[in-house]
Amino acid sequence: MWSLLVIVIFTLTIALVGLGIGWVRTETIDLAGYRGWYTPHDLKDLRRFLCAGYMHNAAYLGGILSIPVAWLFNFAFRLYTPKSI
């Protein structure tokens, strides 16, 4: 149960960090830097779209990294939790 909470909080934190990085990196937008990104032709707000992309990619990274974080949490939790018979 606690591991799932660790995974969710860790992934959400990394996603929000990605959003912050996206917000900082898109203060001035150079379209050449985003040549590989898909952007719809009728896009209204490019900066918000790019920030959502940063957050999306960071959430995937957070989800992948949350697996070893949860393992470490489980090992530490079992090590420091008293065993009952």
N, C-alpha and C. Protein backbone atom coordinates (compact mmCIF):
# COMPACT_ATOMS: atom_id res chain seq x y z
N MET A 1 0.82 -1.19 0.00
CA MET A 1 0.00 0.00 0.00
C MET A 1 0.87 1.27 0.00
N TRP A 2 1.86 1.27 0.89
CA TRP A 2 2.72 2.45 0.99
C TRP A 2 3.55 2.63 -0.28
N SER A 3 3.90 1.53 -0.91
CA SER A 3 4.71 1.61 -2.14
C SER A 3 3.95 2.34 -3.24
N LEU A 4 2.66 2.06 -3.36
CA LEU A 4 1.86 2.74 -4.38
C LEU A 4 1.81 4.24 -4.12
N LEU A 5 1.71 4.62 -2.87
CA LEU A 5 1.71 6.04 -2.53
C LEU A 5 3.05 6.69 -2.88
N VAL A 6 4.13 5.98 -2.62
CA VAL A 6 5.47 6.48 -2.98
C VAL A 6 5.57 6.65 -4.48
N ILE A 7 5.08 5.68 -5.25
CA ILE A 7 5.14 5.74 -6.70
C ILE A 7 4.35 6.94 -7.23
N VAL A 8 3.14 7.11 -6.73
CA VAL A 8 2.29 8.22 -7.21
C VAL A 8 2.90 9.57 -6.87
N ILE A 9 3.35 9.73 -5.63
CA ILE A 9 3.93 11.01 -5.22
C ILE A 9 5.21 11.30 -5.99
N PHE A 10 6.06 10.29 -6.17
CA PHE A 10 7.31 10.49 -6.90
C PHE A 10 7.05 10.88 -8.35
N THR A 11 6.14 10.14 -9.00
CA THR A 11 5.83 10.43 -10.41
C THR A 11 5.21 11.80 -10.57
N LEU A 12 4.29 12.16 -9.68
CA LEU A 12 3.66 13.48 -9.74
C LEU A 12 4.70 14.58 -9.52
N THR A 13 5.61 14.37 -8.60
CA THR A 13 6.65 15.37 -8.34
C THR A 13 7.54 15.57 -9.56
N ILE A 14 7.95 14.48 -10.19
CA ILE A 14 8.80 14.58 -11.37
C ILE A 14 8.04 15.25 -12.52
N ALA A 15 6.74 14.95 -12.66
CA ALA A 15 5.93 15.59 -13.71
C ALA A 15 5.84 17.08 -13.48
N LEU A 16 5.66 17.50 -12.24
CA LEU A 16 5.58 18.94 -11.94
C LEU A 16 6.93 19.62 -12.14
N VAL A 17 8.00 18.92 -11.86
CA VAL A 17 9.34 19.46 -12.15
C VAL A 17 9.49 19.64 -13.66
N GLY A 18 9.02 18.66 -14.42
CA GLY A 18 9.05 18.77 -15.89
C GLY A 18 8.24 19.96 -16.38
N LEU A 19 7.09 20.20 -15.76
CA LEU A 19 6.29 21.37 -16.12
C LEU A 19 7.06 22.66 -15.83
N GLY A 20 7.73 22.70 -14.69
CA GLY A 20 8.53 23.88 -14.36
C GLY A 20 9.68 24.09 -15.33
N ILE A 21 10.33 23.01 -15.70
CA ILE A 21 11.42 23.11 -16.68
C ILE A 21 10.87 23.59 -18.01
N GLY A 22 9.72 23.05 -18.41
CA GLY A 22 9.10 23.50 -19.65
C GLY A 22 8.73 24.97 -19.61
N TRP A 23 8.24 25.43 -18.47
CA TRP A 23 7.86 26.84 -18.33
C TRP A 23 9.08 27.74 -18.47
N VAL A 24 10.20 27.33 -17.88
CA VAL A 24 11.42 28.13 -17.95
C VAL A 24 12.01 28.09 -19.36
N ARG A 25 12.03 26.89 -19.96
CA ARG A 25 12.67 26.75 -21.28
C ARG A 25 11.87 27.38 -22.41
N THR A 26 10.58 27.64 -22.19
CA THR A 26 9.76 28.21 -23.26
C THR A 26 9.46 29.69 -23.04
N GLU A 27 10.24 30.35 -22.19
CA GLU A 27 10.05 31.80 -22.02
C GLU A 27 10.26 32.52 -23.35
N THR A 28 11.28 32.12 -24.06
CA THR A 28 11.48 32.57 -25.43
C THR A 28 11.52 31.32 -26.29
N ILE A 29 10.64 31.25 -27.26
CA ILE A 29 10.49 30.03 -28.05
C ILE A 29 11.20 30.18 -29.39
N ASP A 30 12.16 29.30 -29.61
CA ASP A 30 12.82 29.19 -30.90
C ASP A 30 12.28 27.92 -31.57
N LEU A 31 11.47 28.09 -32.60
CA LEU A 31 10.82 26.94 -33.23
C LEU A 31 11.80 25.91 -33.77
N ALA A 32 13.00 26.33 -34.11
CA ALA A 32 14.00 25.39 -34.61
C ALA A 32 14.38 24.38 -33.54
N GLY A 33 14.29 24.77 -32.28
CA GLY A 33 14.62 23.86 -31.19
C GLY A 33 13.57 22.79 -30.97
N TYR A 34 12.40 22.97 -31.53
CA TYR A 34 11.31 22.01 -31.37
C TYR A 34 10.91 21.40 -32.71
N ARG A 35 11.86 21.25 -33.59
CA ARG A 35 11.60 20.73 -34.93
C ARG A 35 11.06 19.30 -34.90
N GLY A 36 11.50 18.48 -33.96
CA GLY A 36 11.06 17.09 -33.88
C GLY A 36 9.75 16.90 -33.15
N TRP A 37 9.21 17.95 -32.58
CA TRP A 37 7.96 17.85 -31.83
C TRP A 37 6.78 18.02 -32.78
N TYR A 38 5.74 17.24 -32.55
CA TYR A 38 4.51 17.40 -33.32
C TYR A 38 3.74 18.61 -32.78
N THR A 39 3.39 19.53 -33.65
CA THR A 39 2.54 20.66 -33.28
C THR A 39 1.39 20.76 -34.28
N PRO A 40 0.16 20.73 -33.80
CA PRO A 40 -0.98 20.85 -34.71
C PRO A 40 -0.95 22.17 -35.46
N HIS A 41 -1.49 22.18 -36.65
CA HIS A 41 -1.46 23.40 -37.47
C HIS A 41 -2.36 24.51 -36.92
N ASP A 42 -3.41 24.16 -36.17
CA ASP A 42 -4.33 25.17 -35.64
C ASP A 42 -4.09 25.45 -34.15
N LEU A 43 -2.85 25.33 -33.72
CA LEU A 43 -2.48 25.50 -32.32
C LEU A 43 -2.66 26.96 -31.90
N LYS A 44 -3.35 27.17 -30.77
CA LYS A 44 -3.63 28.53 -30.29
C LYS A 44 -2.51 29.07 -29.39
N ASP A 45 -2.02 28.24 -28.47
CA ASP A 45 -1.00 28.70 -27.52
C ASP A 45 0.16 27.71 -27.51
N LEU A 46 1.21 28.05 -28.25
CA LEU A 46 2.35 27.15 -28.41
C LEU A 46 3.05 26.89 -27.08
N ARG A 47 3.18 27.90 -26.25
CA ARG A 47 3.91 27.73 -25.00
C ARG A 47 3.20 26.73 -24.08
N ARG A 48 1.90 26.83 -23.95
CA ARG A 48 1.17 25.87 -23.11
C ARG A 48 1.28 24.45 -23.66
N PHE A 49 1.21 24.34 -24.97
CA PHE A 49 1.34 23.03 -25.61
C PHE A 49 2.70 22.42 -25.32
N LEU A 50 3.76 23.22 -25.46
CA LEU A 50 5.11 22.72 -25.20
C LEU A 50 5.31 22.38 -23.73
N CYS A 51 4.75 23.18 -22.83
CA CYS A 51 4.85 22.89 -21.40
C CYS A 51 4.15 21.58 -21.06
N ALA A 52 3.00 21.34 -21.68
CA ALA A 52 2.31 20.07 -21.47
C ALA A 52 3.15 18.90 -21.99
N GLY A 53 3.87 19.13 -23.09
CA GLY A 53 4.76 18.09 -23.61
C GLY A 53 5.91 17.80 -22.66
N TYR A 54 6.49 18.84 -22.10
CA TYR A 54 7.56 18.64 -21.11
C TYR A 54 7.03 17.86 -19.91
N MET A 55 5.84 18.22 -19.43
CA MET A 55 5.26 17.53 -18.28
C MET A 55 4.96 16.07 -18.62
N HIS A 56 4.44 15.83 -19.81
CA HIS A 56 4.12 14.47 -20.24
C HIS A 56 5.37 13.61 -20.29
N ASN A 57 6.41 14.12 -20.91
CA ASN A 57 7.66 13.35 -21.00
C ASN A 57 8.28 13.12 -19.63
N ALA A 58 8.21 14.13 -18.76
CA ALA A 58 8.76 13.98 -17.42
C ALA A 58 7.96 12.97 -16.60
N ALA A 59 6.65 12.90 -16.82
CA ALA A 59 5.83 11.92 -16.11
C ALA A 59 6.22 10.49 -16.50
N TYR A 60 6.52 10.28 -17.77
CA TYR A 60 7.01 8.96 -18.19
C TYR A 60 8.34 8.65 -17.50
N LEU A 61 9.23 9.60 -17.46
CA LEU A 61 10.51 9.42 -16.79
C LEU A 61 10.30 9.14 -15.30
N GLY A 62 9.40 9.89 -14.68
CA GLY A 62 9.10 9.66 -13.26
C GLY A 62 8.52 8.29 -13.01
N GLY A 63 7.66 7.83 -13.92
CA GLY A 63 7.10 6.49 -13.77
C GLY A 63 8.15 5.41 -13.87
N ILE A 64 9.09 5.58 -14.77
CA ILE A 64 10.17 4.60 -14.92
C ILE A 64 11.08 4.62 -13.69
N LEU A 65 11.44 5.82 -13.23
CA LEU A 65 12.33 5.94 -12.08
C LEU A 65 11.65 5.56 -10.76
N SER A 66 10.32 5.58 -10.74
CA SER A 66 9.62 5.25 -9.50
C SER A 66 9.74 3.77 -9.15
N ILE A 67 10.04 2.93 -10.11
CA ILE A 67 10.18 1.50 -9.82
C ILE A 67 11.37 1.24 -8.89
N PRO A 68 12.59 1.71 -9.22
CA PRO A 68 13.68 1.49 -8.25
C PRO A 68 13.47 2.27 -6.95
N VAL A 69 12.81 3.41 -7.01
CA VAL A 69 12.53 4.16 -5.78
C VAL A 69 11.62 3.34 -4.88
N ALA A 70 10.60 2.71 -5.45
CA ALA A 70 9.70 1.86 -4.66
C ALA A 70 10.43 0.65 -4.11
N TRP A 71 11.34 0.07 -4.88
CA TRP A 71 12.13 -1.05 -4.37
C TRP A 71 12.96 -0.62 -3.17
N LEU A 72 13.63 0.51 -3.30
CA LEU A 72 14.43 1.00 -2.17
C LEU A 72 13.56 1.29 -0.97
N PHE A 73 12.39 1.86 -1.20
CA PHE A 73 11.46 2.11 -0.10
C PHE A 73 11.06 0.81 0.58
N ASN A 74 10.75 -0.23 -0.21
CA ASN A 74 10.38 -1.52 0.37
C ASN A 74 11.52 -2.12 1.19
N PHE A 75 12.73 -2.06 0.67
CA PHE A 75 13.87 -2.60 1.41
C PHE A 75 14.07 -1.84 2.72
N ALA A 76 14.01 -0.52 2.67
CA ALA A 76 14.17 0.28 3.87
C ALA A 76 13.02 0.05 4.85
N PHE A 77 11.81 -0.06 4.34
CA PHE A 77 10.65 -0.27 5.20
C PHE A 77 10.76 -1.62 5.93
N ARG A 78 11.17 -2.66 5.21
CA ARG A 78 11.32 -3.96 5.84
C ARG A 78 12.49 -4.00 6.80
N LEU A 79 13.52 -3.25 6.51
CA LEU A 79 14.70 -3.23 7.37
C LEU A 79 14.42 -2.54 8.70
N TYR A 80 13.64 -1.45 8.65
CA TYR A 80 13.41 -0.65 9.86
C TYR A 80 12.07 -0.91 10.55
N THR A 81 11.27 -1.81 10.00
CA THR A 81 10.01 -2.14 10.64
C THR A 81 10.22 -3.37 11.52
N PRO A 82 9.80 -3.28 12.79
CA PRO A 82 9.97 -4.45 13.68
C PRO A 82 9.15 -5.64 13.17
N LYS A 83 9.75 -6.80 13.25
CA LYS A 83 9.06 -8.00 12.81
C LYS A 83 8.19 -8.53 13.94
N SER A 84 6.95 -8.86 13.60
CA SER A 84 6.05 -9.44 14.61
C SER A 84 5.85 -10.91 14.30
N ILE A 85 5.73 -11.68 15.32
CA ILE A 85 5.59 -13.13 15.15
C ILE A 85 4.13 -13.53 15.22
